[in-house]
Amino acid sequence: MATFALWRLNIQLHNTMKLFMFRTSSPRRFVYKPRYYNPEKEAIEKRKAELGLDAKLSEEEKLRLRMSSRWRRNDQTSGLPAMRYTFIIYAIVILGGVYVIFFTDLIDNLIRAFGVGK
């Protein structure tokens, strides 16, 4: 009788463990909502909004359009000074290296110090 009770308890524990530990979730449903997109019409609407004509864009789309045009304008102008500075720095380093190699005795002294060319 005791073995039957233990066996019954073991089956009940096994079933509850099976339910809680190895429970797999059901897969997510794929919901497809088709939308019609006309890139030509979208480009025309954006161009109208840029020119300030009557456009059928929402306030959010107008704000996005203004922000993107400002960022594009800023990106085009902000890159030039940085490129100029890097070019100047590279030119100074190269010209300094050429000066040290050809117009000073530093290279000759280094060659003599390490004993190369005796």
N, C-alpha and C. Protein backbone atom coordinates (compact mmCIF):
# COMPACT_ATOMS: atom_id res chain seq x y z
N MET A 1 0.81 -1.19 0.00
CA MET A 1 0.00 0.00 0.00
C MET A 1 0.86 1.25 0.00
N ALA A 2 1.95 1.24 0.78
CA ALA A 2 2.83 2.40 0.85
C ALA A 2 3.55 2.60 -0.47
N THR A 3 3.90 1.51 -1.13
CA THR A 3 4.58 1.64 -2.41
C THR A 3 3.65 2.22 -3.46
N PHE A 4 2.35 1.83 -3.39
CA PHE A 4 1.39 2.38 -4.33
C PHE A 4 1.21 3.88 -4.12
N ALA A 5 1.20 4.32 -2.87
CA ALA A 5 1.06 5.74 -2.57
C ALA A 5 2.29 6.52 -3.05
N LEU A 6 3.46 5.93 -2.83
CA LEU A 6 4.69 6.57 -3.31
C LEU A 6 4.70 6.62 -4.84
N TRP A 7 4.25 5.53 -5.45
CA TRP A 7 4.22 5.50 -6.90
C TRP A 7 3.25 6.55 -7.44
N ARG A 8 2.09 6.68 -6.80
CA ARG A 8 1.09 7.66 -7.21
C ARG A 8 1.61 9.08 -7.02
N LEU A 9 2.32 9.34 -5.90
CA LEU A 9 2.91 10.64 -5.64
C LEU A 9 3.98 10.96 -6.67
N ASN A 10 4.77 9.97 -7.04
CA ASN A 10 5.81 10.15 -8.04
C ASN A 10 5.20 10.54 -9.39
N ILE A 11 4.10 9.92 -9.77
CA ILE A 11 3.45 10.24 -11.04
C ILE A 11 2.87 11.66 -10.99
N GLN A 12 2.29 12.03 -9.87
CA GLN A 12 1.74 13.38 -9.76
C GLN A 12 2.84 14.43 -9.83
N LEU A 13 3.96 14.19 -9.14
CA LEU A 13 5.09 15.12 -9.21
C LEU A 13 5.64 15.20 -10.63
N HIS A 14 5.72 14.06 -11.27
CA HIS A 14 6.24 14.03 -12.64
C HIS A 14 5.35 14.84 -13.58
N ASN A 15 4.05 14.70 -13.44
CA ASN A 15 3.12 15.45 -14.29
C ASN A 15 3.18 16.95 -14.03
N THR A 16 3.28 17.35 -12.76
CA THR A 16 3.37 18.78 -12.48
C THR A 16 4.70 19.35 -12.96
N MET A 17 5.78 18.59 -12.79
CA MET A 17 7.09 19.05 -13.28
C MET A 17 7.05 19.19 -14.80
N LYS A 18 6.39 18.24 -15.43
CA LYS A 18 6.31 18.28 -16.89
C LYS A 18 5.53 19.51 -17.35
N LEU A 19 4.50 19.87 -16.62
CA LEU A 19 3.71 21.02 -17.00
C LEU A 19 4.45 22.34 -16.80
N PHE A 20 5.19 22.47 -15.72
CA PHE A 20 5.81 23.75 -15.39
C PHE A 20 7.21 23.92 -15.96
N MET A 21 7.99 22.88 -16.02
CA MET A 21 9.39 23.04 -16.43
C MET A 21 9.59 23.04 -17.94
N PHE A 22 8.85 22.24 -18.64
CA PHE A 22 9.10 22.10 -20.07
C PHE A 22 7.94 22.61 -20.90
N ARG A 23 7.39 23.66 -20.44
CA ARG A 23 6.26 24.23 -21.16
C ARG A 23 6.78 25.09 -22.32
N THR A 24 6.31 24.81 -23.49
CA THR A 24 6.72 25.59 -24.66
C THR A 24 5.62 26.59 -24.98
N SER A 25 6.04 27.76 -25.32
CA SER A 25 5.06 28.79 -25.65
C SER A 25 4.58 28.58 -27.09
N SER A 26 3.39 29.02 -27.32
CA SER A 26 2.86 28.88 -28.67
C SER A 26 3.52 29.91 -29.58
N PRO A 27 3.69 29.59 -30.84
CA PRO A 27 4.36 30.53 -31.74
C PRO A 27 3.53 31.79 -31.96
N ARG A 28 4.22 32.86 -32.24
CA ARG A 28 3.53 34.12 -32.51
C ARG A 28 2.81 34.04 -33.85
N ARG A 29 1.73 34.74 -33.92
CA ARG A 29 0.98 34.79 -35.17
C ARG A 29 1.60 35.84 -36.08
N PHE A 30 1.64 35.53 -37.36
CA PHE A 30 2.12 36.49 -38.34
C PHE A 30 0.92 37.23 -38.91
N VAL A 31 0.94 38.54 -38.72
CA VAL A 31 -0.17 39.35 -39.20
C VAL A 31 0.35 40.22 -40.34
N TYR A 32 -0.15 39.97 -41.51
CA TYR A 32 0.27 40.71 -42.68
C TYR A 32 -0.79 41.74 -43.02
N LYS A 33 -0.38 43.00 -42.98
CA LYS A 33 -1.28 44.09 -43.34
C LYS A 33 -0.73 44.76 -44.60
N PRO A 34 -1.25 44.44 -45.74
CA PRO A 34 -0.69 45.02 -46.97
C PRO A 34 -0.98 46.52 -47.05
N ARG A 35 0.01 47.24 -47.53
CA ARG A 35 -0.13 48.69 -47.72
C ARG A 35 0.32 49.02 -49.13
N TYR A 36 -0.34 49.97 -49.72
CA TYR A 36 0.03 50.39 -51.06
C TYR A 36 1.03 51.53 -50.96
N TYR A 37 2.13 51.40 -51.67
CA TYR A 37 3.17 52.43 -51.63
C TYR A 37 3.50 52.84 -53.05
N ASN A 38 3.36 54.12 -53.32
CA ASN A 38 3.68 54.66 -54.63
C ASN A 38 4.86 55.63 -54.44
N PRO A 39 6.07 55.22 -54.81
CA PRO A 39 7.23 56.09 -54.57
C PRO A 39 7.18 57.40 -55.35
N GLU A 40 6.60 57.39 -56.53
CA GLU A 40 6.51 58.62 -57.32
C GLU A 40 5.61 59.64 -56.63
N LYS A 41 4.47 59.18 -56.15
CA LYS A 41 3.55 60.07 -55.46
C LYS A 41 4.17 60.60 -54.18
N GLU A 42 4.89 59.74 -53.48
CA GLU A 42 5.57 60.15 -52.24
C GLU A 42 6.60 61.24 -52.54
N ALA A 43 7.38 61.06 -53.61
CA ALA A 43 8.40 62.05 -53.97
C ALA A 43 7.74 63.38 -54.35
N ILE A 44 6.65 63.32 -55.06
CA ILE A 44 5.94 64.55 -55.46
C ILE A 44 5.42 65.27 -54.23
N GLU A 45 4.84 64.53 -53.28
CA GLU A 45 4.32 65.15 -52.05
C GLU A 45 5.44 65.79 -51.24
N LYS A 46 6.58 65.11 -51.16
CA LYS A 46 7.70 65.69 -50.41
C LYS A 46 8.22 66.94 -51.09
N ARG A 47 8.29 66.92 -52.39
CA ARG A 47 8.76 68.10 -53.13
C ARG A 47 7.81 69.28 -52.94
N LYS A 48 6.50 69.00 -52.97
CA LYS A 48 5.52 70.06 -52.72
C LYS A 48 5.69 70.64 -51.33
N ALA A 49 5.92 69.77 -50.36
CA ALA A 49 6.08 70.24 -48.98
C ALA A 49 7.35 71.08 -48.84
N GLU A 50 8.42 70.70 -49.55
CA GLU A 50 9.66 71.49 -49.50
C GLU A 50 9.44 72.88 -50.09
N LEU A 51 8.65 72.96 -51.14
CA LEU A 51 8.39 74.24 -51.78
C LEU A 51 7.33 75.06 -51.05
N GLY A 52 6.64 74.44 -50.10
CA GLY A 52 5.62 75.15 -49.34
C GLY A 52 4.27 75.17 -50.02
N LEU A 53 4.09 74.36 -51.05
CA LEU A 53 2.80 74.28 -51.72
C LEU A 53 1.84 73.41 -50.92
N ASP A 54 0.60 73.33 -51.38
CA ASP A 54 -0.40 72.54 -50.68
C ASP A 54 -0.04 71.06 -50.80
N ALA A 55 0.37 70.48 -49.68
CA ALA A 55 0.75 69.07 -49.67
C ALA A 55 -0.16 68.32 -48.70
N LYS A 56 -0.30 67.04 -48.95
CA LYS A 56 -1.19 66.23 -48.11
C LYS A 56 -0.38 65.47 -47.06
N LEU A 57 0.64 66.09 -46.52
CA LEU A 57 1.45 65.45 -45.49
C LEU A 57 0.93 65.83 -44.11
N SER A 58 1.06 64.91 -43.18
CA SER A 58 0.65 65.21 -41.81
C SER A 58 1.71 66.11 -41.16
N GLU A 59 1.40 66.61 -39.99
CA GLU A 59 2.34 67.49 -39.29
C GLU A 59 3.62 66.74 -38.94
N GLU A 60 3.48 65.48 -38.56
CA GLU A 60 4.66 64.68 -38.22
C GLU A 60 5.57 64.50 -39.44
N GLU A 61 4.97 64.21 -40.59
CA GLU A 61 5.76 64.04 -41.81
C GLU A 61 6.42 65.34 -42.22
N LYS A 62 5.72 66.46 -42.03
CA LYS A 62 6.32 67.76 -42.36
C LYS A 62 7.51 68.04 -41.46
N LEU A 63 7.36 67.73 -40.17
CA LEU A 63 8.46 67.94 -39.24
C LEU A 63 9.66 67.08 -39.61
N ARG A 64 9.40 65.82 -39.95
CA ARG A 64 10.50 64.93 -40.37
C ARG A 64 11.19 65.47 -41.61
N LEU A 65 10.42 65.97 -42.55
CA LEU A 65 10.98 66.51 -43.78
C LEU A 65 11.86 67.73 -43.49
N ARG A 66 11.38 68.63 -42.62
CA ARG A 66 12.19 69.80 -42.28
C ARG A 66 13.48 69.40 -41.57
N MET A 67 13.37 68.45 -40.64
CA MET A 67 14.55 68.01 -39.91
C MET A 67 15.57 67.36 -40.83
N SER A 68 15.11 66.50 -41.74
CA SER A 68 16.05 65.83 -42.64
C SER A 68 16.71 66.82 -43.58
N SER A 69 15.98 67.83 -44.04
CA SER A 69 16.60 68.81 -44.94
C SER A 69 17.63 69.65 -44.19
N ARG A 70 17.35 69.99 -42.92
CA ARG A 70 18.34 70.73 -42.13
C ARG A 70 19.58 69.90 -41.87
N TRP A 71 19.37 68.62 -41.51
CA TRP A 71 20.52 67.76 -41.23
C TRP A 71 21.35 67.55 -42.49
N ARG A 72 20.69 67.39 -43.63
CA ARG A 72 21.43 67.22 -44.88
C ARG A 72 22.26 68.47 -45.18
N ARG A 73 21.67 69.64 -44.97
CA ARG A 73 22.37 70.89 -45.21
C ARG A 73 23.57 71.04 -44.26
N ASN A 74 23.36 70.69 -42.99
CA ASN A 74 24.44 70.78 -42.02
C ASN A 74 25.54 69.77 -42.30
N ASP A 75 25.19 68.58 -42.74
CA ASP A 75 26.20 67.57 -43.05
C ASP A 75 27.08 68.00 -44.21
N GLN A 76 26.51 68.65 -45.18
CA GLN A 76 27.28 69.07 -46.34
C GLN A 76 28.29 70.16 -45.97
N THR A 77 27.93 71.04 -45.06
CA THR A 77 28.83 72.13 -44.71
C THR A 77 29.78 71.78 -43.58
N SER A 78 29.39 70.85 -42.70
CA SER A 78 30.23 70.57 -41.53
C SER A 78 31.43 69.71 -41.87
N GLY A 79 31.43 68.98 -42.96
CA GLY A 79 32.54 68.10 -43.29
C GLY A 79 33.75 68.82 -43.85
N LEU A 80 33.55 69.98 -44.44
CA LEU A 80 34.66 70.68 -45.10
C LEU A 80 35.75 71.15 -44.15
N PRO A 81 35.47 71.83 -43.06
CA PRO A 81 36.57 72.26 -42.18
C PRO A 81 37.33 71.09 -41.56
N ALA A 82 36.65 70.03 -41.22
CA ALA A 82 37.33 68.87 -40.64
C ALA A 82 38.28 68.26 -41.66
N MET A 83 37.84 68.16 -42.91
CA MET A 83 38.72 67.61 -43.95
C MET A 83 39.91 68.53 -44.17
N ARG A 84 39.68 69.82 -44.10
CA ARG A 84 40.76 70.78 -44.28
C ARG A 84 41.81 70.63 -43.19
N TYR A 85 41.35 70.51 -41.93
CA TYR A 85 42.29 70.37 -40.81
C TYR A 85 43.09 69.08 -40.90
N THR A 86 42.46 67.98 -41.25
CA THR A 86 43.21 66.73 -41.36
C THR A 86 44.22 66.80 -42.50
N PHE A 87 43.86 67.42 -43.60
CA PHE A 87 44.81 67.57 -44.70
C PHE A 87 46.01 68.41 -44.26
N ILE A 88 45.77 69.48 -43.54
CA ILE A 88 46.87 70.33 -43.06
C ILE A 88 47.77 69.56 -42.11
N ILE A 89 47.19 68.79 -41.21
CA ILE A 89 48.00 68.01 -40.27
C ILE A 89 48.85 66.98 -41.00
N TYR A 90 48.25 66.25 -41.94
CA TYR A 90 49.03 65.27 -42.71
C TYR A 90 50.15 65.95 -43.50
N ALA A 91 49.87 67.10 -44.09
CA ALA A 91 50.90 67.81 -44.87
C ALA A 91 52.04 68.24 -43.97
N ILE A 92 51.73 68.73 -42.76
CA ILE A 92 52.79 69.14 -41.83
C ILE A 92 53.65 67.95 -41.42
N VAL A 93 53.02 66.81 -41.13
CA VAL A 93 53.78 65.62 -40.73
C VAL A 93 54.67 65.15 -41.87
N ILE A 94 54.16 65.12 -43.08
CA ILE A 94 54.96 64.65 -44.23
C ILE A 94 56.10 65.61 -44.52
N LEU A 95 55.82 66.91 -44.52
CA LEU A 95 56.88 67.89 -44.78
C LEU A 95 57.93 67.86 -43.67
N GLY A 96 57.49 67.67 -42.42
CA GLY A 96 58.45 67.55 -41.31
C GLY A 96 59.33 66.33 -41.47
N GLY A 97 58.76 65.22 -41.89
CA GLY A 97 59.55 64.01 -42.11
C GLY A 97 60.56 64.19 -43.24
N VAL A 98 60.14 64.82 -44.32
CA VAL A 98 61.06 65.08 -45.44
C VAL A 98 62.19 65.99 -44.99
N TYR A 99 61.88 67.01 -44.20
CA TYR A 99 62.92 67.92 -43.71
C TYR A 99 63.91 67.18 -42.84
N VAL A 100 63.42 66.34 -41.91
CA VAL A 100 64.32 65.61 -41.01
C VAL A 100 65.20 64.66 -41.80
N ILE A 101 64.65 63.99 -42.79
CA ILE A 101 65.43 63.00 -43.54
C ILE A 101 66.49 63.67 -44.42
N PHE A 102 66.13 64.73 -45.12
CA PHE A 102 67.05 65.30 -46.11
C PHE A 102 67.90 66.45 -45.60
N PHE A 103 67.47 67.21 -44.61
CA PHE A 103 68.19 68.42 -44.24
C PHE A 103 68.79 68.40 -42.84
N THR A 104 68.76 67.28 -42.15
CA THR A 104 69.42 67.19 -40.84
C THR A 104 70.33 65.97 -40.82
N ASP A 105 71.17 65.92 -39.80
CA ASP A 105 72.09 64.79 -39.66
C ASP A 105 71.52 63.71 -38.75
N LEU A 106 70.28 63.76 -38.42
CA LEU A 106 69.68 62.81 -37.49
C LEU A 106 69.76 61.39 -38.00
N ILE A 107 69.46 61.17 -39.25
CA ILE A 107 69.49 59.82 -39.82
C ILE A 107 70.92 59.29 -39.86
N ASP A 108 71.87 60.14 -40.25
CA ASP A 108 73.27 59.72 -40.27
C ASP A 108 73.75 59.35 -38.86
N ASN A 109 73.38 60.14 -37.87
CA ASN A 109 73.77 59.85 -36.49
C ASN A 109 73.15 58.54 -36.00
N LEU A 110 71.91 58.28 -36.36
CA LEU A 110 71.28 57.03 -35.97
C LEU A 110 71.96 55.83 -36.62
N ILE A 111 72.33 55.97 -37.89
CA ILE A 111 73.02 54.88 -38.58
C ILE A 111 74.37 54.62 -37.92
N ARG A 112 75.10 55.66 -37.59
CA ARG A 112 76.39 55.49 -36.90
C ARG A 112 76.22 54.90 -35.50
N ALA A 113 75.19 55.29 -34.79
CA ALA A 113 74.97 54.83 -33.42
C ALA A 113 74.67 53.33 -33.39
N PHE A 114 73.97 52.82 -34.35
CA PHE A 114 73.65 51.40 -34.35
C PHE A 114 74.71 50.58 -35.09
N GLY A 115 75.70 51.21 -35.65
CA GLY A 115 76.81 50.48 -36.26
C GLY A 115 76.50 49.85 -37.59
N VAL A 116 75.52 50.37 -38.28
CA VAL A 116 75.18 49.81 -39.58
C VAL A 116 76.01 50.51 -40.64
N GLY A 117 76.56 49.77 -41.57
CA GLY A 117 77.30 50.35 -42.69
C GLY A 117 78.77 50.60 -42.40
N LYS A 118 79.40 49.88 -41.48
CA LYS A 118 80.84 50.08 -41.19
C LYS A 118 81.70 49.38 -42.16
